[in-house]
């Protein structure tokens, strides 16, 4: 029975990943990241993704702060933050977040404050969606690891 539970969780994980790929949330870079995970570093992907989320929170805060300045938004500085966000998003395979960063950067290059505000809203939406889906994925992965790793002692009769 224990193996069956793990198999079902594995299937759930694969279905969720297939959905995220089909929706364009993730791309093949995420698969390459997964290939770097092995028995010696079983939490590699979740650790990398958690670093990504930690750093991305700072970048989002900085972008929000720059856009909320009344006088003049520093579009050059926004572009620097967006380049960092794009690079890290691309490195974990966050395809939709990366695409929103590209659109956001185009708005900064045109000094389009309204476009930047819309892009920031879209970026925050995609970022939250990605974060929730990764949380769901890692919960399933953790449950699967527990299901396969739990061993009950055999009772002698």
Protein backbone atom coordinates (compact mmCIF):
# COMPACT_ATOMS: atom_id res chain seq x y z
CA UNK A 1 0.00 0.00 0.00
CA UNK A 2 2.87 2.33 0.80
CA UNK A 3 4.27 2.13 -2.73
CA UNK A 4 0.86 2.82 -4.22
CA UNK A 5 0.58 6.10 -2.27
CA UNK A 6 3.98 7.19 -3.50
CA UNK A 7 3.02 6.25 -7.05
CA UNK A 8 -0.15 8.34 -6.82
CA UNK A 9 1.81 11.30 -5.48
CA UNK A 10 4.35 10.87 -8.29
CA UNK A 11 1.47 10.94 -10.79
CA UNK A 12 0.06 14.09 -9.11
CA UNK A 13 3.45 15.75 -9.37
CA UNK A 14 3.78 14.85 -13.04
CA UNK A 15 0.26 16.09 -13.78
CA UNK A 16 0.98 19.42 -12.08
CA UNK A 17 4.26 19.81 -13.98
CA UNK A 18 2.57 18.92 -17.28
CA UNK A 19 -0.11 21.54 -16.54
CA UNK A 20 2.53 24.20 -15.76
CA UNK A 21 4.39 23.43 -18.98
CA UNK A 22 1.17 23.40 -21.02
CA UNK A 23 0.15 26.77 -19.55
CA UNK A 24 3.57 28.23 -20.36
CA UNK A 25 4.35 28.87 -16.70
CA UNK A 26 7.55 26.79 -16.91
CA UNK A 27 9.93 25.92 -19.73
CA UNK A 28 12.65 23.34 -20.38
CA UNK A 29 15.12 25.21 -18.15
CA UNK A 30 13.20 23.87 -15.14
CA UNK A 31 13.80 20.32 -16.39
CA UNK A 32 17.51 21.06 -16.61
CA UNK A 33 17.41 22.34 -13.04
CA UNK A 34 15.69 19.12 -11.94
CA UNK A 35 18.43 17.06 -13.59
CA UNK A 36 20.96 18.64 -11.22
CA UNK A 37 19.14 17.16 -8.23
CA UNK A 38 20.31 13.75 -7.03
CA UNK A 39 20.69 11.63 -3.89
CA UNK A 40 23.54 13.80 -2.61
CA UNK A 41 21.41 16.95 -2.87
CA UNK A 42 17.77 15.79 -2.73
CA UNK A 43 16.46 19.30 -2.00
CA UNK A 44 18.50 21.09 -4.65
CA UNK A 45 15.55 22.35 -6.72
CA UNK A 46 13.53 23.59 -3.75
CA UNK A 47 16.61 25.32 -2.31
CA UNK A 48 17.35 27.09 -5.60
CA UNK A 49 13.71 28.09 -6.00
CA UNK A 50 13.55 29.38 -2.41
CA UNK A 51 16.63 31.55 -3.06
CA UNK A 52 14.91 32.79 -6.21
CA UNK A 53 11.78 33.76 -4.27
CA UNK A 54 13.79 35.46 -1.53
CA UNK A 55 15.74 37.55 -4.02
CA UNK A 56 12.67 38.23 -6.16
CA UNK A 57 10.80 39.68 -3.18
CA UNK A 58 13.57 42.28 -2.83
CA UNK A 59 13.46 43.09 -6.54
CA UNK A 60 9.66 43.48 -6.49
CA UNK A 61 9.91 45.78 -3.45
CA UNK A 62 12.55 47.88 -5.21
CA UNK A 63 10.47 48.10 -8.40
CA UNK A 64 7.37 49.06 -6.44
CA UNK A 65 9.34 51.72 -4.55
CA UNK A 66 10.77 53.22 -7.73
CA UNK A 67 7.34 53.38 -9.35
CA UNK A 68 5.71 54.97 -6.32
CA UNK A 69 8.06 57.97 -6.33
CA UNK A 70 5.87 60.99 -7.12
CA UNK A 71 8.35 63.09 -9.06
CA UNK A 72 10.45 61.06 -11.42
CA UNK A 73 10.69 57.31 -11.69
CA UNK A 74 14.23 56.08 -12.24
CA UNK A 75 13.63 53.99 -15.35
CA UNK A 76 17.30 53.10 -15.71
CA UNK A 77 17.36 51.62 -12.22
CA UNK A 78 14.10 49.77 -12.93
CA UNK A 79 15.72 48.28 -16.02
CA UNK A 80 18.64 47.01 -13.93
CA UNK A 81 16.26 45.35 -11.45
CA UNK A 82 14.26 43.86 -14.30
CA UNK A 83 17.39 42.44 -15.93
CA UNK A 84 18.20 40.72 -12.62
CA UNK A 85 14.64 39.46 -12.30
CA UNK A 86 14.62 38.21 -15.90
CA UNK A 87 17.92 36.40 -15.48
CA UNK A 88 16.97 34.61 -12.29
CA UNK A 89 13.47 33.79 -13.59
CA UNK A 90 14.93 32.39 -16.79
CA UNK A 91 17.46 30.30 -14.85
CA UNK A 92 14.70 28.42 -12.99
CA UNK A 93 12.48 28.11 -16.05
CA UNK A 94 9.84 30.66 -14.99
CA UNK A 95 8.76 31.38 -18.56
CA UNK A 96 5.70 33.61 -17.98
CA UNK A 97 7.46 35.69 -15.34
CA UNK A 98 10.37 36.17 -17.75
CA UNK A 99 8.01 37.31 -20.52
CA UNK A 100 6.32 39.84 -18.24
CA UNK A 101 9.77 41.17 -17.28
CA UNK A 102 10.52 41.69 -20.98
CA UNK A 103 7.31 43.68 -21.45
CA UNK A 104 8.01 45.65 -18.28
CA UNK A 105 11.51 46.47 -19.49
CA UNK A 106 10.08 47.72 -22.81
CA UNK A 107 7.82 50.09 -20.84
CA UNK A 108 10.82 51.37 -18.85
CA UNK A 109 12.77 51.97 -22.07
CA UNK A 110 9.90 54.18 -23.26
CA UNK A 111 9.62 55.89 -19.84
CA UNK A 112 5.98 54.82 -19.86
CA UNK A 113 4.84 55.13 -16.24
CA UNK A 114 1.31 53.81 -16.89
CA UNK A 115 2.75 50.85 -18.82
CA UNK A 116 5.20 50.19 -15.99
CA UNK A 117 2.40 50.21 -13.42
CA UNK A 118 0.37 47.72 -15.50
CA UNK A 119 3.45 45.58 -16.02
CA UNK A 120 4.23 45.61 -12.29
CA UNK A 121 0.69 44.44 -11.55
CA UNK A 122 1.05 41.63 -14.11
CA UNK A 123 4.48 40.73 -12.75
CA UNK A 124 3.18 40.50 -9.19
CA UNK A 125 0.27 38.35 -10.38
CA UNK A 126 2.49 35.92 -12.33
CA UNK A 127 5.03 35.83 -9.52
CA UNK A 128 2.36 34.94 -6.91
CA UNK A 129 0.87 32.31 -9.21
CA UNK A 130 4.31 30.75 -9.75
CA UNK A 131 5.08 30.83 -6.03
CA UNK A 132 1.78 29.11 -5.18
CA UNK A 133 2.29 26.42 -7.81
CA UNK A 134 5.86 25.73 -6.67
CA UNK A 135 4.60 25.51 -3.10
CA UNK A 136 2.01 22.96 -4.23
CA UNK A 137 4.64 21.02 -6.20
CA UNK A 138 7.10 20.91 -3.30
CA UNK A 139 4.38 19.79 -0.89
CA UNK A 140 3.54 16.86 -3.16
CA UNK A 141 7.24 16.08 -3.55
CA UNK A 142 7.72 16.13 0.22
CA UNK A 143 4.73 13.84 0.75
CA UNK A 144 6.08 11.48 -1.89
CA UNK A 145 9.50 11.40 -0.23
CA UNK A 146 7.89 10.60 3.09
CA UNK A 147 5.74 7.89 1.54
CA UNK A 148 8.73 6.18 -0.05
CA UNK A 149 11.08 6.73 2.87
CA UNK A 150 8.91 5.51 5.72
CA UNK A 151 9.74 1.99 6.75
CA UNK A 152 7.83 0.10 9.38
CA UNK A 153 9.66 -2.50 11.47
CA UNK A 154 8.73 -6.08 10.73
CA UNK A 155 7.25 -7.75 13.79
CA UNK A 156 8.49 -11.24 14.60
CA UNK A 157 5.73 -13.63 15.62
